[in-house]
């Protein structure tokens, strides 16, 4: 799906975004802008007038989404497809609201269903301990650029694992959002446009204190940056790319499952639950609006059940069955 829009489509695109801007967070607005641009680009490439779109054309768009692939060639996830369709419904709802169309064709379209599951993007408590300990040994690397990359990842990892923030939320913070004395992080605007308070562990607070006092200047250098006022000095895409690359290399070196920056949030939810934390407390820490979202961490994979059965069943010790006729 292309990205360039003709003047008519571009004007409508700008008008829609301007109307939606007050209703979404900064991160939500960026996602909305990208998905809306791809939506309009597809209809323009297919030479379909927006005023004439019916459920048939909406279904064609959904089918085109099903054929899309990620950068590594895998089909896009059901969740991603749902996000595309939600934006389409929102955009055509705007056309209906402004009197350009009589009804919203995407309102009649059924979304593909995504099964609720716990993401594989996470580590066990022991694995997380190994990863964080390795990242903390950034000073042992042979070159300065390598040490700075590892140090940056070390700081981001400890911050995300302590707070449970999403990478986009962490990258939006400025120094005034932190109260290191009280070990608090004030997030003015998170997912859904709502602010909340996150918390730092004692160790994460020490790491952040050292980073802000001297480490940040070494990592970012002295030249001007577009997001230079933020704690991590770059937007979500840049920080995630650098951190995820370093995480992948470190996880492979330790022979651990490879996780991304979002894996710290998933791991925190799981680890808190296993430690006996109250579900409502986990909900507040992760900033979930609905408890149902938090309850996904209570789901146990069948493979986990099989491993538990193999490890703890009393008959696991009867490894060698005696042949028929053997003397008892």
C-alpha atoms as a PDB file:
ATOM      1  CA  UNK A   1       0.000   0.000   0.000  1.00  0.00           C
ATOM      2  CA  UNK A   2       1.504   3.260  -1.102  1.00  0.00           C
ATOM      3  CA  UNK A   3       1.938   6.379   0.999  1.00  0.00           C
ATOM      4  CA  UNK A   4       1.573   9.310  -1.445  1.00  0.00           C
ATOM      5  CA  UNK A   5      -1.838  10.950  -1.627  1.00  0.00           C
ATOM      6  CA  UNK A   6      -3.268  13.251  -4.292  1.00  0.00           C
ATOM      7  CA  UNK A   7      -4.361  16.721  -3.224  1.00  0.00           C
ATOM      8  CA  UNK A   8      -8.036  15.783  -2.706  1.00  0.00           C
ATOM      9  CA  UNK A   9      -7.222  12.762  -0.558  1.00  0.00           C
ATOM     10  CA  UNK A  10      -4.484  14.657   1.261  1.00  0.00           C
ATOM     11  CA  UNK A  11      -6.881  17.484   2.197  1.00  0.00           C
ATOM     12  CA  UNK A  12      -9.434  15.017   3.535  1.00  0.00           C
ATOM     13  CA  UNK A  13      -6.688  13.175   5.421  1.00  0.00           C
ATOM     14  CA  UNK A  14      -5.528  16.403   7.103  1.00  0.00           C
ATOM     15  CA  UNK A  15      -9.102  17.382   7.947  1.00  0.00           C
ATOM     16  CA  UNK A  16      -9.792  14.000   9.562  1.00  0.00           C
ATOM     17  CA  UNK A  17      -6.596  14.085  11.636  1.00  0.00           C
ATOM     18  CA  UNK A  18      -7.279  17.624  12.806  1.00  0.00           C
ATOM     19  CA  UNK A  19     -10.734  16.553  14.008  1.00  0.00           C
ATOM     20  CA  UNK A  20      -9.342  13.476  15.802  1.00  0.00           C
ATOM     21  CA  UNK A  21      -6.287  15.096  17.380  1.00  0.00           C
ATOM     22  CA  UNK A  22      -8.029  16.150  20.642  1.00  0.00           C
ATOM     23  CA  UNK A  23      -9.401  12.622  21.120  1.00  0.00           C
ATOM     24  CA  UNK A  24      -6.144  10.653  21.106  1.00  0.00           C
ATOM     25  CA  UNK A  25      -2.787  10.627  22.870  1.00  0.00           C
ATOM     26  CA  UNK A  26       0.430  11.705  21.172  1.00  0.00           C
ATOM     27  CA  UNK A  27       1.341   8.065  20.509  1.00  0.00           C
ATOM     28  CA  UNK A  28      -2.208   7.264  19.411  1.00  0.00           C
ATOM     29  CA  UNK A  29      -2.207  10.187  16.994  1.00  0.00           C
ATOM     30  CA  UNK A  30       0.986   8.951  15.301  1.00  0.00           C
ATOM     31  CA  UNK A  31      -0.496   5.466  14.876  1.00  0.00           C
ATOM     32  CA  UNK A  32      -3.804   6.892  13.629  1.00  0.00           C
ATOM     33  CA  UNK A  33      -2.015   9.075  11.074  1.00  0.00           C
ATOM     34  CA  UNK A  34      -0.032   6.154   9.659  1.00  0.00           C
ATOM     35  CA  UNK A  35      -2.971   3.760   9.393  1.00  0.00           C
ATOM     36  CA  UNK A  36      -5.306   6.422   7.944  1.00  0.00           C
ATOM     37  CA  UNK A  37      -2.729   7.303   5.290  1.00  0.00           C
ATOM     38  CA  UNK A  38      -2.447   3.632   4.264  1.00  0.00           C
ATOM     39  CA  UNK A  39      -6.252   3.368   4.161  1.00  0.00           C
ATOM     40  CA  UNK A  40      -6.681   6.346   1.821  1.00  0.00           C
ATOM     41  CA  UNK A  41      -3.717   5.286  -0.275  1.00  0.00           C
ATOM     42  CA  UNK A  42      -5.287   1.873  -0.883  1.00  0.00           C
ATOM     43  CA  UNK A  43      -8.635   3.301  -2.020  1.00  0.00           C
ATOM     44  CA  UNK A  44      -6.869   5.821  -4.252  1.00  0.00           C
ATOM     45  CA  UNK A  45      -4.704   3.116  -5.854  1.00  0.00           C
ATOM     46  CA  UNK A  46      -7.806   0.970  -6.415  1.00  0.00           C
ATOM     47  CA  UNK A  47      -9.560   4.005  -7.955  1.00  0.00           C
ATOM     48  CA  UNK A  48     -12.528   3.652  -5.590  1.00  0.00           C
ATOM     49  CA  UNK A  49     -14.408   6.841  -4.735  1.00  0.00           C
ATOM     50  CA  UNK A  50     -14.798   7.125  -0.978  1.00  0.00           C
ATOM     51  CA  UNK A  51     -18.426   8.254  -1.284  1.00  0.00           C
ATOM     52  CA  UNK A  52     -19.275   5.033  -3.148  1.00  0.00           C
ATOM     53  CA  UNK A  53     -17.648   2.560  -0.745  1.00  0.00           C
ATOM     54  CA  UNK A  54     -20.004  -0.233   0.329  1.00  0.00           C
ATOM     55  CA  UNK A  55     -19.461  -3.292   2.498  1.00  0.00           C
ATOM     56  CA  UNK A  56     -18.173  -5.068  -0.628  1.00  0.00           C
ATOM     57  CA  UNK A  57     -15.312  -2.589  -1.022  1.00  0.00           C
ATOM     58  CA  UNK A  58     -14.734  -2.698   2.740  1.00  0.00           C
ATOM     59  CA  UNK A  59     -14.429  -6.490   2.498  1.00  0.00           C
ATOM     60  CA  UNK A  60     -11.935  -6.095  -0.356  1.00  0.00           C
ATOM     61  CA  UNK A  61      -9.842  -3.843   1.847  1.00  0.00           C
ATOM     62  CA  UNK A  62      -9.943  -6.423   4.623  1.00  0.00           C
ATOM     63  CA  UNK A  63      -8.851  -9.118   2.162  1.00  0.00           C
ATOM     64  CA  UNK A  64      -5.951  -6.922   1.033  1.00  0.00           C
ATOM     65  CA  UNK A  65      -4.873  -6.547   4.658  1.00  0.00           C
ATOM     66  CA  UNK A  66      -4.858 -10.323   5.051  1.00  0.00           C
ATOM     67  CA  UNK A  67      -2.257 -10.506   2.264  1.00  0.00           C
ATOM     68  CA  UNK A  68       0.086  -7.982   3.878  1.00  0.00           C
ATOM     69  CA  UNK A  69       3.338  -9.174   5.424  1.00  0.00           C
ATOM     70  CA  UNK A  70       5.736  -7.828   8.016  1.00  0.00           C
ATOM     71  CA  UNK A  71       9.312  -6.795   7.238  1.00  0.00           C
ATOM     72  CA  UNK A  72      10.466 -10.382   7.792  1.00  0.00           C
ATOM     73  CA  UNK A  73       7.852 -11.835   5.443  1.00  0.00           C
ATOM     74  CA  UNK A  74       5.379 -13.124   8.047  1.00  0.00           C
ATOM     75  CA  UNK A  75       1.652 -12.326   7.726  1.00  0.00           C
ATOM     76  CA  UNK A  76       0.521  -9.388   9.864  1.00  0.00           C
ATOM     77  CA  UNK A  77      -1.099 -10.412  13.129  1.00  0.00           C
ATOM     78  CA  UNK A  78      -4.829 -10.461  13.755  1.00  0.00           C
ATOM     79  CA  UNK A  79      -4.341  -7.628  16.239  1.00  0.00           C
ATOM     80  CA  UNK A  80      -2.630  -5.484  13.607  1.00  0.00           C
ATOM     81  CA  UNK A  81      -5.432  -6.192  11.135  1.00  0.00           C
ATOM     82  CA  UNK A  82      -7.968  -5.170  13.755  1.00  0.00           C
ATOM     83  CA  UNK A  83      -6.133  -1.870  14.245  1.00  0.00           C
ATOM     84  CA  UNK A  84      -6.301  -1.169  10.496  1.00  0.00           C
ATOM     85  CA  UNK A  85     -10.032  -1.910  10.450  1.00  0.00           C
ATOM     86  CA  UNK A  86     -10.727   0.186  13.549  1.00  0.00           C
ATOM     87  CA  UNK A  87      -9.116   3.200  11.867  1.00  0.00           C
ATOM     88  CA  UNK A  88     -11.136   2.512   8.704  1.00  0.00           C
ATOM     89  CA  UNK A  89     -14.333   2.433  10.753  1.00  0.00           C
ATOM     90  CA  UNK A  90     -13.292   5.649  12.475  1.00  0.00           C
ATOM     91  CA  UNK A  91     -12.476   7.417   9.215  1.00  0.00           C
ATOM     92  CA  UNK A  92     -15.706   6.440   7.465  1.00  0.00           C
ATOM     93  CA  UNK A  93     -17.577   7.324  10.649  1.00  0.00           C
ATOM     94  CA  UNK A  94     -16.129  10.807  10.236  1.00  0.00           C
ATOM     95  CA  UNK A  95     -17.325  10.908   6.605  1.00  0.00           C
ATOM     96  CA  UNK A  96     -20.803   9.959   7.819  1.00  0.00           C
ATOM     97  CA  UNK A  97     -20.714  12.546  10.611  1.00  0.00           C
ATOM     98  CA  UNK A  98     -19.750  15.291   8.144  1.00  0.00           C
ATOM     99  CA  UNK A  99     -22.546  14.286   5.742  1.00  0.00           C
ATOM    100  CA  UNK A 100     -20.353  12.926   2.955  1.00  0.00           C
ATOM    101  CA  UNK A 101     -21.849   9.419   3.133  1.00  0.00           C
ATOM    102  CA  UNK A 102     -25.180   8.070   4.397  1.00  0.00           C
ATOM    103  CA  UNK A 103     -23.841   5.048   6.308  1.00  0.00           C
ATOM    104  CA  UNK A 104     -20.521   3.615   7.479  1.00  0.00           C
ATOM    105  CA  UNK A 105     -19.633   0.469   5.460  1.00  0.00           C
ATOM    106  CA  UNK A 106     -16.988  -0.591   7.987  1.00  0.00           C
ATOM    107  CA  UNK A 107     -19.547  -0.538  10.808  1.00  0.00           C
ATOM    108  CA  UNK A 108     -21.097  -3.636   9.253  1.00  0.00           C
ATOM    109  CA  UNK A 109     -17.805  -5.470   8.800  1.00  0.00           C
ATOM    110  CA  UNK A 110     -16.865  -8.225  11.238  1.00  0.00           C
ATOM    111  CA  UNK A 111     -13.382  -8.018  12.672  1.00  0.00           C
ATOM    112  CA  UNK A 112     -11.178 -11.115  12.551  1.00  0.00           C
ATOM    113  CA  UNK A 113     -11.034 -12.678  15.983  1.00  0.00           C
ATOM    114  CA  UNK A 114      -7.840 -12.840  17.991  1.00  0.00           C
ATOM    115  CA  UNK A 115      -7.572 -15.409  20.720  1.00  0.00           C
ATOM    116  CA  UNK A 116      -6.539 -14.038  24.098  1.00  0.00           C
ATOM    117  CA  UNK A 117      -3.087 -15.319  24.911  1.00  0.00           C
ATOM    118  CA  UNK A 118      -0.034 -14.431  26.878  1.00  0.00           C
ATOM    119  CA  UNK A 119       2.660 -13.045  24.648  1.00  0.00           C
ATOM    120  CA  UNK A 120       5.773 -15.150  24.079  1.00  0.00           C
ATOM    121  CA  UNK A 121       7.725 -11.892  24.251  1.00  0.00           C
ATOM    122  CA  UNK A 122       8.934 -12.476  27.801  1.00  0.00           C
ATOM    123  CA  UNK A 123      11.416 -14.256  30.042  1.00  0.00           C
ATOM    124  CA  UNK A 124      11.214 -16.203  33.267  1.00  0.00           C
ATOM    125  CA  UNK A 125      12.480 -14.623  36.472  1.00  0.00           C
ATOM    126  CA  UNK A 126      15.796 -16.489  36.232  1.00  0.00           C
ATOM    127  CA  UNK A 127      16.239 -15.637  32.559  1.00  0.00           C
ATOM    128  CA  UNK A 128      15.459 -11.988  33.229  1.00  0.00           C
ATOM    129  CA  UNK A 129      18.048 -11.948  35.992  1.00  0.00           C
ATOM    130  CA  UNK A 130      20.696 -13.301  33.610  1.00  0.00           C
ATOM    131  CA  UNK A 131      19.840 -10.767  30.912  1.00  0.00           C
ATOM    132  CA  UNK A 132      19.844  -7.747  33.232  1.00  0.00           C
ATOM    133  CA  UNK A 133      23.100  -8.846  34.869  1.00  0.00           C
ATOM    134  CA  UNK A 134      24.745  -9.152  31.452  1.00  0.00           C
ATOM    135  CA  UNK A 135      23.499  -5.731  30.352  1.00  0.00           C
ATOM    136  CA  UNK A 136      24.941  -4.238  33.546  1.00  0.00           C
ATOM    137  CA  UNK A 137      28.412  -5.430  32.499  1.00  0.00           C
ATOM    138  CA  UNK A 138      28.521  -2.842  29.709  1.00  0.00           C
ATOM    139  CA  UNK A 139      31.928  -1.620  30.892  1.00  0.00           C
ATOM    140  CA  UNK A 140      33.544  -4.940  29.932  1.00  0.00           C
ATOM    141  CA  UNK A 141      32.973  -4.487  26.194  1.00  0.00           C
ATOM    142  CA  UNK A 142      36.074  -3.710  24.087  1.00  0.00           C
ATOM    143  CA  UNK A 143      35.052  -0.524  22.245  1.00  0.00           C
ATOM    144  CA  UNK A 144      33.476   2.750  23.371  1.00  0.00           C
ATOM    145  CA  UNK A 145      30.548   2.614  20.873  1.00  0.00           C
ATOM    146  CA  UNK A 146      29.739  -0.935  22.016  1.00  0.00           C
ATOM    147  CA  UNK A 147      29.887   0.108  25.666  1.00  0.00           C
ATOM    148  CA  UNK A 148      27.563   3.074  25.050  1.00  0.00           C
ATOM    149  CA  UNK A 149      25.023   0.953  23.147  1.00  0.00           C
ATOM    150  CA  UNK A 150      25.014  -1.664  25.892  1.00  0.00           C
ATOM    151  CA  UNK A 151      24.810   1.005  28.611  1.00  0.00           C
ATOM    152  CA  UNK A 152      21.836   2.671  26.918  1.00  0.00           C
ATOM    153  CA  UNK A 153      20.074  -0.682  26.685  1.00  0.00           C
ATOM    154  CA  UNK A 154      20.917  -1.406  30.333  1.00  0.00           C
ATOM    155  CA  UNK A 155      19.265   1.853  31.451  1.00  0.00           C
ATOM    156  CA  UNK A 156      16.163   1.393  29.273  1.00  0.00           C
ATOM    157  CA  UNK A 157      15.793  -2.256  30.338  1.00  0.00           C
ATOM    158  CA  UNK A 158      15.958  -1.494  34.065  1.00  0.00           C
ATOM    159  CA  UNK A 159      13.537   1.418  33.629  1.00  0.00           C
ATOM    160  CA  UNK A 160      10.966  -0.589  31.648  1.00  0.00           C
ATOM    161  CA  UNK A 161      11.173  -3.653  33.879  1.00  0.00           C
ATOM    162  CA  UNK A 162      10.702  -1.505  36.996  1.00  0.00           C
ATOM    163  CA  UNK A 163       7.856   0.692  35.745  1.00  0.00           C
ATOM    164  CA  UNK A 164       6.037  -1.576  33.298  1.00  0.00           C
ATOM    165  CA  UNK A 165       5.761   1.367  30.899  1.00  0.00           C
ATOM    166  CA  UNK A 166       5.430   0.864  27.175  1.00  0.00           C
ATOM    167  CA  UNK A 167       8.462   1.969  25.168  1.00  0.00           C
ATOM    168  CA  UNK A 168       6.446   4.794  23.564  1.00  0.00           C
ATOM    169  CA  UNK A 169       5.400   6.038  27.007  1.00  0.00           C
ATOM    170  CA  UNK A 170       8.974   5.926  28.315  1.00  0.00           C
ATOM    171  CA  UNK A 171      10.268   7.821  25.272  1.00  0.00           C
ATOM    172  CA  UNK A 172       7.747  10.627  25.813  1.00  0.00           C
ATOM    173  CA  UNK A 173       9.045  11.469  29.298  1.00  0.00           C
ATOM    174  CA  UNK A 174      11.150  14.491  30.215  1.00  0.00           C
ATOM    175  CA  UNK A 175      13.249  14.835  33.350  1.00  0.00           C
ATOM    176  CA  UNK A 176      10.549  16.805  35.174  1.00  0.00           C
ATOM    177  CA  UNK A 177       8.288  13.736  34.958  1.00  0.00           C
ATOM    178  CA  UNK A 178      10.599  11.912  37.384  1.00  0.00           C
ATOM    179  CA  UNK A 179      10.662  12.251  41.162  1.00  0.00           C
ATOM    180  CA  UNK A 180      13.678  10.127  42.012  1.00  0.00           C
ATOM    181  CA  UNK A 181      13.509  10.936  45.705  1.00  0.00           C
ATOM    182  CA  UNK A 182      10.006   9.480  45.913  1.00  0.00           C
ATOM    183  CA  UNK A 183      10.818   6.875  43.184  1.00  0.00           C
ATOM    184  CA  UNK A 184       7.846   8.011  41.105  1.00  0.00           C
ATOM    185  CA  UNK A 185       7.324   8.508  37.381  1.00  0.00           C
ATOM    186  CA  UNK A 186       4.496  10.806  36.293  1.00  0.00           C
ATOM    187  CA  UNK A 187       3.172   9.905  32.851  1.00  0.00           C
ATOM    188  CA  UNK A 188       1.087  12.870  31.608  1.00  0.00           C
ATOM    189  CA  UNK A 189      -0.412  11.004  28.665  1.00  0.00           C
ATOM    190  CA  UNK A 190      -0.305   7.255  28.119  1.00  0.00           C
ATOM    191  CA  UNK A 191      -2.263   4.857  25.927  1.00  0.00           C
ATOM    192  CA  UNK A 192      -5.794   6.145  25.449  1.00  0.00           C
ATOM    193  CA  UNK A 193      -4.709   9.673  26.345  1.00  0.00           C
ATOM    194  CA  UNK A 194      -4.830   9.039  30.109  1.00  0.00           C
ATOM    195  CA  UNK A 195      -2.051   9.895  32.511  1.00  0.00           C
ATOM    196  CA  UNK A 196      -0.920   7.748  35.426  1.00  0.00           C
ATOM    197  CA  UNK A 197       1.838   7.281  37.983  1.00  0.00           C
ATOM    198  CA  UNK A 198       4.463   4.530  37.670  1.00  0.00           C
ATOM    199  CA  UNK A 199       6.999   3.426  40.250  1.00  0.00           C
ATOM    200  CA  UNK A 200      10.730   2.779  40.284  1.00  0.00           C
ATOM    201  CA  UNK A 201      12.511   0.079  42.249  1.00  0.00           C
ATOM    202  CA  UNK A 202      15.436   1.169  44.385  1.00  0.00           C
ATOM    203  CA  UNK A 203      17.993  -0.199  41.942  1.00  0.00           C
ATOM    204  CA  UNK A 204      16.251   1.256  38.868  1.00  0.00           C
ATOM    205  CA  UNK A 205      16.172   4.605  40.646  1.00  0.00           C
ATOM    206  CA  UNK A 206      19.948   4.445  41.226  1.00  0.00           C
ATOM    207  CA  UNK A 207      20.523   3.528  37.575  1.00  0.00           C
ATOM    208  CA  UNK A 208      18.384   6.444  36.409  1.00  0.00           C
ATOM    209  CA  UNK A 209      20.086   8.830  38.836  1.00  0.00           C
ATOM    210  CA  UNK A 210      23.530   8.007  37.426  1.00  0.00           C
ATOM    211  CA  UNK A 211      22.216   8.134  33.873  1.00  0.00           C
ATOM    212  CA  UNK A 212      20.734  11.606  34.266  1.00  0.00           C
ATOM    213  CA  UNK A 213      23.737  13.000  36.132  1.00  0.00           C
ATOM    214  CA  UNK A 214      26.416  11.893  33.656  1.00  0.00           C
ATOM    215  CA  UNK A 215      25.512   8.890  31.484  1.00  0.00           C
ATOM    216  CA  UNK A 216      22.901  10.612  29.333  1.00  0.00           C
ATOM    217  CA  UNK A 217      25.359  13.232  28.071  1.00  0.00           C
ATOM    218  CA  UNK A 218      27.812  10.490  27.060  1.00  0.00           C
ATOM    219  CA  UNK A 219      25.140   8.482  25.243  1.00  0.00           C
ATOM    220  CA  UNK A 220      23.510  11.373  23.381  1.00  0.00           C
ATOM    221  CA  UNK A 221      26.521  13.581  22.701  1.00  0.00           C
ATOM    222  CA  UNK A 222      26.359  17.340  22.315  1.00  0.00           C
ATOM    223  CA  UNK A 223      24.739  17.828  18.914  1.00  0.00           C
ATOM    224  CA  UNK A 224      21.090  19.026  18.645  1.00  0.00           C
ATOM    225  CA  UNK A 225      18.347  16.388  18.564  1.00  0.00           C
ATOM    226  CA  UNK A 226      14.701  16.644  17.623  1.00  0.00           C
ATOM    227  CA  UNK A 227      13.704  14.925  20.879  1.00  0.00           C
ATOM    228  CA  UNK A 228      16.650  16.172  22.891  1.00  0.00           C
ATOM    229  CA  UNK A 229      14.447  17.288  25.797  1.00  0.00           C
ATOM    230  CA  UNK A 230      13.249  13.739  26.494  1.00  0.00           C
ATOM    231  CA  UNK A 231      14.986  11.382  28.902  1.00  0.00           C
ATOM    232  CA  UNK A 232      16.157   9.002  26.209  1.00  0.00           C
ATOM    233  CA  UNK A 233      16.782  11.702  23.589  1.00  0.00           C
ATOM    234  CA  UNK A 234      14.941  10.093  20.653  1.00  0.00           C
ATOM    235  CA  UNK A 235      11.494   9.026  19.533  1.00  0.00           C
ATOM    236  CA  UNK A 236      10.033   5.583  20.160  1.00  0.00           C
ATOM    237  CA  UNK A 237      11.040   4.158  16.776  1.00  0.00           C
ATOM    238  CA  UNK A 238      14.726   5.097  17.176  1.00  0.00           C
ATOM    239  CA  UNK A 239      15.065   3.968  20.795  1.00  0.00           C
ATOM    240  CA  UNK A 240      13.208   0.708  20.126  1.00  0.00           C
ATOM    241  CA  UNK A 241      15.381  -0.070  17.097  1.00  0.00           C
ATOM    242  CA  UNK A 242      18.641   0.450  19.022  1.00  0.00           C
ATOM    243  CA  UNK A 243      17.477  -1.366  22.150  1.00  0.00           C
ATOM    244  CA  UNK A 244      15.866  -4.291  20.324  1.00  0.00           C
ATOM    245  CA  UNK A 245      19.000  -4.886  18.266  1.00  0.00           C
ATOM    246  CA  UNK A 246      21.163  -4.948  21.390  1.00  0.00           C
ATOM    247  CA  UNK A 247      18.659  -7.158  23.222  1.00  0.00           C
ATOM    248  CA  UNK A 248      18.625  -9.654  20.364  1.00  0.00           C
ATOM    249  CA  UNK A 249      22.422  -9.908  20.316  1.00  0.00           C
ATOM    250  CA  UNK A 250      22.649 -10.262  24.102  1.00  0.00           C
ATOM    251  CA  UNK A 251      19.852 -12.834  24.346  1.00  0.00           C
ATOM    252  CA  UNK A 252      21.451 -14.960  21.628  1.00  0.00           C
ATOM    253  CA  UNK A 253      24.851 -14.766  23.322  1.00  0.00           C
ATOM    254  CA  UNK A 254      23.253 -15.990  26.563  1.00  0.00           C
ATOM    255  CA  UNK A 255      21.177 -18.605  24.689  1.00  0.00           C
ATOM    256  CA  UNK A 256      17.961 -17.024  25.975  1.00  0.00           C
ATOM    257  CA  UNK A 257      14.689 -16.486  24.082  1.00  0.00           C
ATOM    258  CA  UNK A 258      14.984 -13.195  22.200  1.00  0.00           C
ATOM    259  CA  UNK A 259      12.730 -10.454  23.562  1.00  0.00           C
ATOM    260  CA  UNK A 260      12.054  -6.873  22.508  1.00  0.00           C
ATOM    261  CA  UNK A 261      11.632  -3.778  24.643  1.00  0.00           C
ATOM    262  CA  UNK A 262       7.948  -4.652  25.142  1.00  0.00           C
ATOM    263  CA  UNK A 263       9.008  -7.975  26.665  1.00  0.00           C
ATOM    264  CA  UNK A 264       9.916  -6.238  29.936  1.00  0.00           C
ATOM    265  CA  UNK A 265       6.303  -5.158  30.384  1.00  0.00           C
ATOM    266  CA  UNK A 266       4.970  -8.666  29.670  1.00  0.00           C
ATOM    267  CA  UNK A 267       7.558 -10.222  31.959  1.00  0.00           C
ATOM    268  CA  UNK A 268       6.790  -7.806  34.800  1.00  0.00           C
ATOM    269  CA  UNK A 269       3.079  -8.661  34.718  1.00  0.00           C
ATOM    270  CA  UNK A 270       3.818 -12.383  34.788  1.00  0.00           C
ATOM    271  CA  UNK A 271       6.462 -12.148  37.508  1.00  0.00           C
ATOM    272  CA  UNK A 272       4.268 -10.002  39.770  1.00  0.00           C
ATOM    273  CA  UNK A 273       1.419 -12.495  39.437  1.00  0.00           C
ATOM    274  CA  UNK A 274       3.681 -15.452  40.251  1.00  0.00           C
ATOM    275  CA  UNK A 275       4.989 -13.602  43.293  1.00  0.00           C
ATOM    276  CA  UNK A 276       1.453 -13.280  44.643  1.00  0.00           C
ATOM    277  CA  UNK A 277       0.728  -9.625  43.793  1.00  0.00           C
ATOM    278  CA  UNK A 278      -2.935  -8.642  43.829  1.00  0.00           C
ATOM    279  CA  UNK A 279      -4.510  -8.540  40.365  1.00  0.00           C
ATOM    280  CA  UNK A 280      -5.835  -5.022  40.944  1.00  0.00           C
ATOM    281  CA  UNK A 281      -2.346  -3.835  41.884  1.00  0.00           C
ATOM    282  CA  UNK A 282      -0.902  -5.351  38.699  1.00  0.00           C
ATOM    283  CA  UNK A 283      -3.662  -3.634  36.741  1.00  0.00           C
ATOM    284  CA  UNK A 284      -2.689  -0.267  38.239  1.00  0.00           C
ATOM    285  CA  UNK A 285       1.049  -0.827  37.725  1.00  0.00           C
ATOM    286  CA  UNK A 286       0.609  -1.739  34.055  1.00  0.00           C
ATOM    287  CA  UNK A 287      -1.998   0.961  33.455  1.00  0.00           C
ATOM    288  CA  UNK A 288      -4.695  -1.367  32.143  1.00  0.00           C
ATOM    289  CA  UNK A 289      -8.082   0.305  31.954  1.00  0.00           C
ATOM    290  CA  UNK A 290      -9.955  -2.999  32.235  1.00  0.00           C
ATOM    291  CA  UNK A 291      -9.120  -5.827  34.640  1.00  0.00           C
ATOM    292  CA  UNK A 292      -9.906  -8.271  31.827  1.00  0.00           C
ATOM    293  CA  UNK A 293      -6.754  -7.083  30.039  1.00  0.00           C
ATOM    294  CA  UNK A 294      -4.641  -7.881  33.100  1.00  0.00           C
ATOM    295  CA  UNK A 295      -6.255 -11.304  33.527  1.00  0.00           C
ATOM    296  CA  UNK A 296      -4.517 -12.553  30.384  1.00  0.00           C
ATOM    297  CA  UNK A 297      -1.501 -13.144  32.627  1.00  0.00           C
ATOM    298  CA  UNK A 298      -3.444 -15.859  34.460  1.00  0.00           C
ATOM    299  CA  UNK A 299      -3.653 -17.979  31.326  1.00  0.00           C
ATOM    300  CA  UNK A 300      -1.316 -20.956  31.285  1.00  0.00           C
ATOM    301  CA  UNK A 301      -0.011 -22.405  28.049  1.00  0.00           C
ATOM    302  CA  UNK A 302      -0.598 -26.132  27.415  1.00  0.00           C
ATOM    303  CA  UNK A 303       3.117 -26.627  26.946  1.00  0.00           C
ATOM    304  CA  UNK A 304       3.721 -25.120  30.396  1.00  0.00           C
ATOM    305  CA  UNK A 305       1.210 -27.578  31.822  1.00  0.00           C
ATOM    306  CA  UNK A 306       2.953 -30.487  30.111  1.00  0.00           C
ATOM    307  CA  UNK A 307       6.330 -29.393  31.481  1.00  0.00           C
ATOM    308  CA  UNK A 308       4.875 -29.103  34.989  1.00  0.00           C
ATOM    309  CA  UNK A 309       3.341 -32.538  34.704  1.00  0.00           C
ATOM    310  CA  UNK A 310       6.648 -34.020  33.553  1.00  0.00           C
ATOM    311  CA  UNK A 311       8.573 -32.268  36.316  1.00  0.00           C
ATOM    312  CA  UNK A 312       6.326 -32.858  39.310  1.00  0.00           C
ATOM    313  CA  UNK A 313       4.163 -35.923  38.678  1.00  0.00           C
ATOM    314  CA  UNK A 314       5.053 -38.702  41.169  1.00  0.00           C
ATOM    315  CA  UNK A 315       5.481 -41.190  38.311  1.00  0.00           C
ATOM    316  CA  UNK A 316       8.184 -39.095  36.674  1.00  0.00           C
ATOM    317  CA  UNK A 317      10.739 -41.128  38.631  1.00  0.00           C
ATOM    318  CA  UNK A 318       9.606 -44.428  37.080  1.00  0.00           C
ATOM    319  CA  UNK A 319      11.761 -43.846  34.026  1.00  0.00           C
ATOM    320  CA  UNK A 320      12.435 -47.464  33.129  1.00  0.00           C
ATOM    321  CA  UNK A 321       9.527 -49.865  32.886  1.00  0.00           C
ATOM    322  CA  UNK A 322      10.332 -53.462  33.728  1.00  0.00           C
ATOM    323  CA  UNK A 323       9.770 -55.977  30.942  1.00  0.00           C
ATOM    324  CA  UNK A 324       6.939 -58.448  31.209  1.00  0.00           C
ATOM    325  CA  UNK A 325       8.012 -61.511  33.178  1.00  0.00           C
ATOM    326  CA  UNK A 326      10.688 -59.664  35.127  1.00  0.00           C
ATOM    327  CA  UNK A 327      11.198 -60.714  38.722  1.00  0.00           C
ATOM    328  CA  UNK A 328       9.545 -58.370  41.176  1.00  0.00           C
END
